[in-house]
Protein backbone atom coordinates (compact mmCIF):
# COMPACT_ATOMS: atom_id res chain seq x y z
CA MET A 1 107.96 40.74 -7.63
CA CYS A 2 105.71 40.56 -11.15
CA ILE A 3 108.48 42.35 -12.90
CA LEU A 4 111.35 40.18 -11.68
CA GLY A 5 108.95 37.17 -12.95
CA ALA A 6 108.23 38.94 -16.59
CA VAL A 7 111.87 39.47 -17.11
CA PRO A 8 112.05 37.05 -18.78
CA PHE A 9 109.51 36.89 -21.30
CA ALA A 10 110.94 40.69 -22.88
CA ALA A 11 114.15 38.98 -22.74
CA CYS A 12 112.95 36.71 -24.93
CA GLY A 13 111.88 39.88 -28.30
CA PHE A 14 115.30 40.49 -28.10
CA ILE A 15 116.43 37.22 -28.41
CA ARG A 16 117.74 35.48 -31.58
CA TYR A 17 119.63 32.61 -32.19
CA HIS A 18 121.00 30.94 -35.26
CA GLY A 19 118.56 34.69 -37.04
CA MET A 20 114.84 32.91 -35.14
CA THR A 21 113.10 34.14 -32.81
CA ALA A 22 112.88 32.84 -29.37
CA GLU A 23 109.04 31.23 -29.95
CA GLN A 24 110.47 30.03 -33.47
CA LEU A 25 113.43 27.91 -31.79
CA LEU A 26 111.28 27.04 -29.37
CA TRP A 27 108.68 25.94 -31.68
CA ALA A 28 112.34 24.38 -33.62
CA TRP A 29 113.40 22.21 -30.42
CA ILE A 30 109.52 21.05 -29.44
CA LYS A 31 109.68 19.67 -33.19
CA SER A 32 112.54 17.61 -33.37
CA GLU A 33 112.80 16.27 -29.20
CA ILE A 34 109.86 15.93 -28.74
CA LEU A 35 107.04 15.53 -31.82
CA MET A 36 108.81 13.52 -34.64
CA PRO A 37 112.88 11.79 -33.05
CA LYS A 38 114.83 9.88 -34.87
CA ARG A 39 118.21 8.45 -34.68
CA LEU A 40 119.76 9.03 -38.71
CA VAL A 41 122.00 5.52 -39.30
CA PHE A 42 123.77 5.01 -42.67
CA LYS A 43 123.05 2.72 -44.72
CA LEU A 44 124.97 2.11 -47.42
CA ASP A 45 122.94 1.42 -51.00
CA CYS A 46 124.78 1.53 -53.36
CA LEU A 47 123.71 -1.38 -55.61
CA TYR A 48 126.85 -0.93 -58.03
CA TYR A 49 129.52 -1.24 -55.39
CA GLN A 50 127.89 -4.36 -53.80
CA ALA A 51 127.77 -5.83 -57.22
CA MET A 52 131.46 -5.60 -58.30
CA GLN A 53 132.63 -6.00 -54.42
CA PRO A 54 134.14 -9.73 -55.31
CA SER A 55 135.30 -9.23 -58.22
CA ILE A 56 137.53 -5.39 -56.50
CA ALA A 57 138.56 -7.85 -54.10
CA GLU A 58 139.96 -10.11 -56.66
CA GLY A 59 141.00 -7.89 -58.47
CA CYS A 60 143.08 -5.86 -55.91
CA LYS A 61 144.74 -9.04 -55.04
CA ARG A 62 146.60 -10.42 -58.14
CA LYS A 63 147.71 -6.23 -59.08
CA ARG A 64 149.51 -6.59 -54.66
CA ALA A 65 151.49 -9.54 -55.71
CA THR A 66 152.84 -7.97 -59.32
CA ASN A 67 153.36 -4.75 -58.28
CA LEU A 68 155.23 -5.41 -55.62
CA LYS A 69 157.88 -7.58 -57.53
CA LYS A 70 158.07 -4.53 -60.16
CA THR A 71 158.11 -1.89 -58.27
CA LYS A 72 161.21 -3.62 -55.24
CA SER A 73 163.23 -4.75 -58.77
CA LYS A 74 162.25 -0.65 -60.36
CA ARG A 75 164.01 0.95 -56.74
CA ARG A 76 166.63 -1.63 -57.12
CA LYS A 77 167.90 0.29 -61.22
CA ARG A 78 167.35 3.55 -59.47
CA MET A 79 169.65 3.01 -56.04
CA LYS A 80 172.25 1.65 -58.87
CA LYS A 81 171.93 4.82 -61.10
CA ASN A 82 171.68 6.89 -58.22
CA GLU A 83 175.17 5.48 -57.03
CA MET A 84 176.23 6.05 -60.33
CA THR A 85 176.07 9.02 -60.59
CA LYS A 86 177.20 10.85 -57.23
CA THR A 87 180.36 12.00 -56.83
CA PRO A 88 183.39 9.75 -55.37
CA GLU A 89 183.32 11.81 -52.25
CA ALA A 90 179.20 11.36 -51.63
CA ARG A 91 179.24 8.17 -52.32
CA HIS A 92 181.09 7.63 -49.17
């Protein structure tokens, strides 16, 4: 009976988890869960991005409207060029 009670403590001498002994692991768990628990929350603190946010949003709106017109006309030109370069058999 005494041996069964001592087996877990004897096994702790042979257990290694992430390079830590059982005592180090137990101390790390107590510190992280009991002594210093905290919830980590991400908070944006990029002041430059916050200051430039209105300009960035305004710039994106303008670029999209002008780029859409340009890309459509460029696509049409490319399609016409591709149609002209194809052989008559490939056109149908």
